[in-house]
């Protein structure tokens, strides 16, 4: 049975109101009433590397954030961070009954391979369970997908209209989940965000292989499409806010966006930069090497963020991998 704790405690607006009443002070000021009226309630499925940062941004903005977790132990930690924990598992629909009334739902569930073996069960069936259980009050559903829904474009630039031909199981599951969402009763209230590779502190792609000089595990071919995690979280917050201020915002609703910094490096340049930073280069690239057919390097494309920029004019904290990795490695 689902457990939802701390809802009243973390509802900051009503806490302020109760404080005034209990202390027999004057009624809340206009500013405090404005805070009460504008505070939003957010439900987050997937408080992982990206989702936790989005939750923190919302929490810091004064919103009431309800964080879904499978773990009894994690509940206490979430409470201490200022969230209202809700104990549930997306693969078990019986745990999703009585989901709270909220304005925004963020679905950023990752694949925990220590618990699950079937990615489709988590991404597709899990999403269906969530969508079936959501209360009608929801204004906005934000789904975090992946640029893995695309296939190989031989290094060409692509946008949201490019054909979707995923080669890997994760991309196939993401694409099926997207289609499920857009065909559901929430399709007109949904935003799909196809994220490029997320990196940042404690997550530097191929760092360990480079430190260990496992050169045979690196391929110089193709492009890497990236987004720094804090920039990604800010983009989610911005898109959610656009619907907060205009519930019928067609710039955000029923839309799909590619989320990337828009400056993809060649894999070789990226790996060489990290190797140089760690003082373990130069990398002895094989002049006649060929990208393995099933590797990520065999699927080369450059992700355009033009639509995202046209709609929201993003000012990136980390506009390219050098800026983002310098910060991440310094951390």
Protein backbone atom coordinates (compact mmCIF):
# COMPACT_ATOMS: atom_id res chain seq x y z
CA UNK A 1 0.00 0.00 0.00
CA UNK A 2 1.47 3.40 -0.89
CA UNK A 3 2.70 5.63 1.89
CA UNK A 4 2.59 9.41 1.53
CA UNK A 5 4.18 11.35 4.37
CA UNK A 6 4.82 14.94 5.21
CA UNK A 7 2.32 16.56 2.85
CA UNK A 8 1.01 19.10 5.36
CA UNK A 9 4.43 19.73 6.83
CA UNK A 10 5.99 20.64 3.53
CA UNK A 11 3.15 22.74 2.21
CA UNK A 12 4.98 25.98 2.82
CA UNK A 13 2.18 28.32 1.92
CA UNK A 14 -0.23 26.85 4.44
CA UNK A 15 2.53 26.66 7.06
CA UNK A 16 2.84 30.43 6.80
CA UNK A 17 -0.92 30.83 7.17
CA UNK A 18 -1.02 28.53 10.21
CA UNK A 19 1.89 30.39 11.80
CA UNK A 20 -0.04 33.65 11.57
CA UNK A 21 -3.18 32.07 13.01
CA UNK A 22 -1.48 30.29 15.91
CA UNK A 23 0.49 33.36 16.93
CA UNK A 24 -2.58 35.62 16.73
CA UNK A 25 -0.70 37.91 14.38
CA UNK A 26 -2.08 40.03 11.58
CA UNK A 27 -3.35 38.22 8.45
CA UNK A 28 -0.72 37.26 5.85
CA UNK A 29 0.67 40.10 3.82
CA UNK A 30 -0.14 40.54 0.15
CA UNK A 31 3.32 39.15 -0.70
CA UNK A 32 2.75 36.05 1.44
CA UNK A 33 -0.69 35.49 -0.07
CA UNK A 34 0.88 35.83 -3.49
CA UNK A 35 3.39 33.11 -2.55
CA UNK A 36 0.54 30.91 -1.40
CA UNK A 37 -1.39 31.35 -4.63
CA UNK A 38 1.61 30.83 -6.92
CA UNK A 39 3.21 27.86 -5.13
CA UNK A 40 2.95 24.72 -7.25
CA UNK A 41 2.83 21.07 -6.35
CA UNK A 42 5.21 18.79 -8.23
CA UNK A 43 5.30 15.00 -8.36
CA UNK A 44 8.65 13.49 -9.34
CA UNK A 45 9.09 9.91 -10.52
CA UNK A 46 12.82 9.24 -10.65
CA UNK A 47 14.83 11.31 -8.17
CA UNK A 48 18.10 10.23 -9.73
CA UNK A 49 20.92 12.18 -11.31
CA UNK A 50 18.64 14.56 -13.25
CA UNK A 51 15.37 14.26 -11.32
CA UNK A 52 16.96 15.08 -7.96
CA UNK A 53 18.31 18.34 -9.36
CA UNK A 54 14.95 19.32 -10.81
CA UNK A 55 13.31 18.52 -7.47
CA UNK A 56 15.86 20.71 -5.69
CA UNK A 57 15.21 23.63 -8.03
CA UNK A 58 11.48 23.37 -7.43
CA UNK A 59 11.99 22.98 -3.69
CA UNK A 60 14.25 26.03 -3.55
CA UNK A 61 11.60 28.00 -5.47
CA UNK A 62 9.10 27.26 -2.69
CA UNK A 63 7.11 24.55 -4.45
CA UNK A 64 5.74 21.50 -2.67
CA UNK A 65 7.72 18.58 -4.10
CA UNK A 66 6.49 15.01 -3.72
CA UNK A 67 9.25 12.53 -4.50
CA UNK A 68 8.40 8.94 -5.38
CA UNK A 69 10.77 6.29 -4.06
CA UNK A 70 10.78 2.49 -3.90
CA UNK A 71 12.91 2.45 -0.76
CA UNK A 72 11.81 2.70 2.88
CA UNK A 73 15.31 3.90 3.75
CA UNK A 74 15.20 6.62 1.10
CA UNK A 75 12.01 8.06 2.57
CA UNK A 76 13.80 9.50 5.57
CA UNK A 77 16.53 11.05 3.43
CA UNK A 78 13.95 12.67 1.15
CA UNK A 79 12.10 14.09 4.15
CA UNK A 80 15.31 15.57 5.50
CA UNK A 81 15.93 17.22 2.12
CA UNK A 82 12.56 18.97 2.36
CA UNK A 83 10.46 16.73 0.13
CA UNK A 84 7.27 14.79 0.76
CA UNK A 85 8.11 11.14 0.03
CA UNK A 86 5.64 8.77 -1.62
CA UNK A 87 6.51 5.08 -1.45
CA UNK A 88 5.71 3.35 -4.75
CA UNK A 89 7.16 1.29 -7.60
CA UNK A 90 6.14 2.08 -11.19
CA UNK A 91 6.20 -1.63 -12.06
CA UNK A 92 3.64 -2.39 -9.33
CA UNK A 93 0.35 -0.62 -10.09
CA UNK A 94 -1.13 -1.48 -6.69
CA UNK A 95 1.42 0.90 -5.10
CA UNK A 96 0.29 3.82 -7.28
CA UNK A 97 -3.24 4.20 -5.93
CA UNK A 98 -4.14 7.52 -4.33
CA UNK A 99 -1.45 9.56 -6.02
CA UNK A 100 -1.60 13.14 -4.70
CA UNK A 101 -3.24 16.02 -6.50
CA UNK A 102 -0.46 18.05 -8.15
CA UNK A 103 0.10 20.56 -10.94
CA UNK A 104 3.13 18.96 -12.63
CA UNK A 105 4.39 15.41 -13.01
CA UNK A 106 8.00 14.75 -13.98
CA UNK A 107 8.75 11.23 -15.18
CA UNK A 108 12.50 10.72 -15.21
CA UNK A 109 12.72 7.04 -14.30
CA UNK A 110 16.02 5.37 -15.06
CA UNK A 111 16.84 1.69 -15.46
CA UNK A 112 18.13 0.27 -12.18
CA UNK A 113 19.79 -2.90 -13.38
CA UNK A 114 20.40 -4.04 -9.81
CA UNK A 115 16.61 -4.43 -9.45
CA UNK A 116 15.17 -4.88 -12.95
CA UNK A 117 16.23 -6.93 -15.97
CA UNK A 118 13.55 -5.92 -18.50
CA UNK A 119 13.88 -2.30 -19.64
CA UNK A 120 10.51 -2.37 -21.39
CA UNK A 121 8.79 -3.36 -18.16
CA UNK A 122 10.17 -0.23 -16.50
CA UNK A 123 9.98 2.32 -19.32
CA UNK A 124 6.79 1.25 -21.10
CA UNK A 125 4.70 -0.79 -18.69
CA UNK A 126 5.84 1.37 -15.78
CA UNK A 127 4.81 4.53 -17.62
CA UNK A 128 1.41 3.02 -18.44
CA UNK A 129 0.88 2.22 -14.76
CA UNK A 130 1.70 5.82 -13.82
CA UNK A 131 -0.53 7.36 -16.51
CA UNK A 132 -3.44 5.16 -15.50
CA UNK A 133 -3.07 6.25 -11.87
CA UNK A 134 -2.63 10.01 -12.28
CA UNK A 135 -5.47 12.15 -10.92
CA UNK A 136 -7.40 14.35 -13.33
CA UNK A 137 -6.07 17.57 -11.78
CA UNK A 138 -2.70 17.27 -13.53
CA UNK A 139 -1.89 20.27 -15.70
CA UNK A 140 1.38 19.08 -17.18
CA UNK A 141 3.23 15.78 -17.68
CA UNK A 142 6.94 16.04 -18.53
CA UNK A 143 8.55 12.85 -19.81
CA UNK A 144 12.34 12.49 -19.99
CA UNK A 145 13.22 10.44 -23.05
CA UNK A 146 16.45 10.00 -24.99
CA UNK A 147 18.06 10.90 -28.30
CA UNK A 148 18.64 7.16 -28.49
CA UNK A 149 15.31 6.99 -30.32
CA UNK A 150 17.24 8.01 -33.47
CA UNK A 151 19.42 5.79 -35.59
CA UNK A 152 22.52 6.55 -37.64
CA UNK A 153 22.66 9.72 -39.74
CA UNK A 154 26.36 9.55 -40.69
CA UNK A 155 27.15 12.67 -38.70
CA UNK A 156 24.39 14.87 -40.14
CA UNK A 157 22.49 17.42 -38.07
CA UNK A 158 19.02 16.25 -37.05
CA UNK A 159 16.01 17.80 -35.35
CA UNK A 160 12.73 16.63 -33.85
CA UNK A 161 11.34 15.73 -37.27
CA UNK A 162 14.08 13.23 -38.12
CA UNK A 163 13.06 9.61 -38.56
CA UNK A 164 13.16 7.50 -35.40
CA UNK A 165 14.94 4.19 -35.91
CA UNK A 166 16.44 3.17 -32.55
CA UNK A 167 19.03 0.40 -32.68
CA UNK A 168 19.44 -0.28 -28.96
CA UNK A 169 16.86 -1.64 -26.52
CA UNK A 170 16.85 1.55 -24.44
CA UNK A 171 16.00 3.69 -27.45
CA UNK A 172 13.27 1.30 -28.55
CA UNK A 173 11.69 1.36 -25.09
CA UNK A 174 11.86 5.17 -24.92
CA UNK A 175 10.18 5.53 -28.31
CA UNK A 176 7.38 3.12 -27.37
CA UNK A 177 6.89 5.01 -24.09
CA UNK A 178 6.67 8.33 -25.96
CA UNK A 179 4.01 6.95 -28.27
CA UNK A 180 2.09 5.55 -25.32
CA UNK A 181 2.11 8.96 -23.61
CA UNK A 182 1.03 10.95 -26.66
CA UNK A 183 -1.82 8.53 -27.38
CA UNK A 184 -3.03 8.62 -23.76
CA UNK A 185 -5.51 11.03 -22.18
CA UNK A 186 -2.47 13.12 -21.19
CA UNK A 187 -1.11 13.60 -24.71
CA UNK A 188 -2.40 17.15 -25.05
CA UNK A 189 -0.91 18.05 -21.65
CA UNK A 190 2.48 16.43 -22.17
CA UNK A 191 5.99 17.54 -23.07
CA UNK A 192 8.57 15.02 -24.25
CA UNK A 193 12.22 15.90 -23.69
CA UNK A 194 14.68 13.80 -25.68
CA UNK A 195 17.88 14.24 -23.70
CA UNK A 196 21.34 13.85 -25.14
CA UNK A 197 24.00 12.25 -22.95
CA UNK A 198 23.76 13.74 -19.45
CA UNK A 199 27.06 14.45 -17.71
CA UNK A 200 28.38 16.49 -14.81
CA UNK A 201 29.90 16.00 -11.34
CA UNK A 202 30.42 12.30 -10.60
CA UNK A 203 29.35 11.40 -14.13
CA UNK A 204 32.04 11.94 -16.75
CA UNK A 205 31.51 9.56 -19.68
CA UNK A 206 34.47 7.18 -20.24
CA UNK A 207 36.51 8.78 -17.43
CA UNK A 208 37.55 5.44 -15.92
CA UNK A 209 38.45 3.85 -19.25
CA UNK A 210 40.73 6.79 -20.01
CA UNK A 211 42.31 6.79 -16.55
CA UNK A 212 42.94 3.05 -16.91
CA UNK A 213 44.22 3.52 -20.48
CA UNK A 214 41.68 1.04 -21.84
CA UNK A 215 42.20 2.43 -25.33
CA UNK A 216 40.63 -0.60 -27.02
CA UNK A 217 37.29 0.36 -25.44
CA UNK A 218 37.26 3.80 -27.07
CA UNK A 219 36.24 4.59 -30.61
CA UNK A 220 37.27 7.87 -32.29
CA UNK A 221 34.35 7.74 -34.71
CA UNK A 222 31.19 9.79 -34.68
CA UNK A 223 29.88 12.64 -32.56
CA UNK A 224 28.98 12.86 -28.89
CA UNK A 225 25.79 14.75 -28.08
CA UNK A 226 25.85 16.07 -24.54
CA UNK A 227 24.01 18.19 -21.99
CA UNK A 228 25.37 19.20 -18.60
CA UNK A 229 23.03 17.99 -15.84
CA UNK A 230 22.43 21.38 -14.20
CA UNK A 231 21.56 22.90 -17.57
CA UNK A 232 19.20 19.97 -18.17
CA UNK A 233 17.47 20.52 -14.82
CA UNK A 234 17.06 24.24 -15.50
CA UNK A 235 15.47 23.45 -18.87
CA UNK A 236 12.91 21.16 -17.20
CA UNK A 237 12.14 23.89 -14.66
CA UNK A 238 11.77 26.51 -17.39
CA UNK A 239 9.38 24.39 -19.46
CA UNK A 240 7.29 23.58 -16.40
CA UNK A 241 7.14 27.29 -15.52
CA UNK A 242 5.95 28.18 -19.01
CA UNK A 243 2.83 26.09 -18.35
CA UNK A 244 2.48 27.41 -14.80
CA UNK A 245 2.01 30.94 -16.14
CA UNK A 246 -0.05 29.86 -19.16
CA UNK A 247 -1.86 26.53 -18.71
CA UNK A 248 -2.67 26.43 -22.42
CA UNK A 249 0.85 27.25 -23.62
CA UNK A 250 1.15 25.63 -27.03
CA UNK A 251 4.90 26.36 -27.06
CA UNK A 252 5.28 23.65 -24.41
CA UNK A 253 2.25 21.36 -24.45
CA UNK A 254 1.97 18.42 -26.85
CA UNK A 255 5.54 19.16 -27.93
CA UNK A 256 8.77 17.22 -28.27
CA UNK A 257 12.14 18.90 -27.73
CA UNK A 258 15.71 17.78 -28.22
CA UNK A 259 17.75 18.72 -25.14
CA UNK A 260 21.41 19.17 -26.00
CA UNK A 261 24.01 21.92 -25.72
CA UNK A 262 24.03 21.93 -29.53
CA UNK A 263 27.83 21.71 -29.79
CA UNK A 264 28.63 18.02 -30.24
CA UNK A 265 32.34 17.18 -30.34
CA UNK A 266 33.89 14.38 -32.31
CA UNK A 267 34.46 11.45 -29.99
CA UNK A 268 38.18 11.60 -30.72
CA UNK A 269 38.40 15.26 -29.68
CA UNK A 270 36.41 14.58 -26.50
CA UNK A 271 38.56 11.61 -25.47
CA UNK A 272 41.81 13.40 -26.31
CA UNK A 273 40.74 16.39 -24.20
CA UNK A 274 40.04 14.24 -21.14
CA UNK A 275 43.26 12.24 -21.59
CA UNK A 276 45.22 15.47 -21.78
CA UNK A 277 43.46 16.83 -18.70
CA UNK A 278 44.43 13.72 -16.72
CA UNK A 279 47.93 13.62 -18.16
CA UNK A 280 47.54 10.10 -19.58
CA UNK A 281 47.58 10.97 -23.29
CA UNK A 282 48.16 11.01 -26.10
CA UNK A 283 45.80 8.20 -26.99
CA UNK A 284 47.40 5.78 -29.50
CA UNK A 285 44.57 5.68 -32.02
CA UNK A 286 44.66 2.88 -34.56
CA UNK A 287 44.77 4.50 -38.03
CA UNK A 288 42.69 1.74 -39.66
CA UNK A 289 40.19 1.22 -36.83
CA UNK A 290 36.50 0.72 -37.65
CA UNK A 291 33.57 1.43 -35.33
CA UNK A 292 31.95 -1.84 -34.15
CA UNK A 293 28.53 -2.26 -35.77
CA UNK A 294 26.64 -2.52 -32.46
CA UNK A 295 28.51 0.23 -30.64
CA UNK A 296 27.18 3.71 -29.92
CA UNK A 297 29.95 5.08 -32.12
CA UNK A 298 28.39 3.39 -35.15
CA UNK A 299 25.34 5.65 -34.77
CA UNK A 300 26.64 9.13 -35.56
CA UNK A 301 24.46 12.24 -35.57
CA UNK A 302 24.52 15.83 -34.39
CA UNK A 303 21.58 16.88 -32.28
CA UNK A 304 20.19 20.34 -32.99
CA UNK A 305 18.65 22.33 -30.13
CA UNK A 306 17.26 24.98 -32.48
CA UNK A 307 13.61 24.35 -31.59
CA UNK A 308 14.38 24.50 -27.87
CA UNK A 309 16.21 27.78 -28.35
CA UNK A 310 13.49 29.26 -30.54
CA UNK A 311 10.87 28.53 -27.90
CA UNK A 312 12.81 29.29 -24.72
CA UNK A 313 16.11 31.11 -25.51
CA UNK A 314 18.23 28.99 -23.19
CA UNK A 315 21.28 30.66 -21.64
CA UNK A 316 23.51 27.67 -20.91
CA UNK A 317 25.66 27.62 -17.80
CA UNK A 318 27.94 25.18 -19.63
CA UNK A 319 27.69 25.86 -23.37
CA UNK A 320 30.04 23.04 -24.41
CA UNK A 321 31.75 19.97 -23.05
CA UNK A 322 34.95 21.81 -22.14
CA UNK A 323 33.12 24.21 -19.84
CA UNK A 324 31.01 21.45 -18.33
CA UNK A 325 33.85 18.98 -17.85
CA UNK A 326 36.14 21.60 -16.36
CA UNK A 327 33.50 22.21 -13.72
CA UNK A 328 32.79 18.49 -13.23
CA UNK A 329 36.44 17.52 -12.84
CA UNK A 330 37.14 20.44 -10.52
CA UNK A 331 34.27 19.21 -8.36
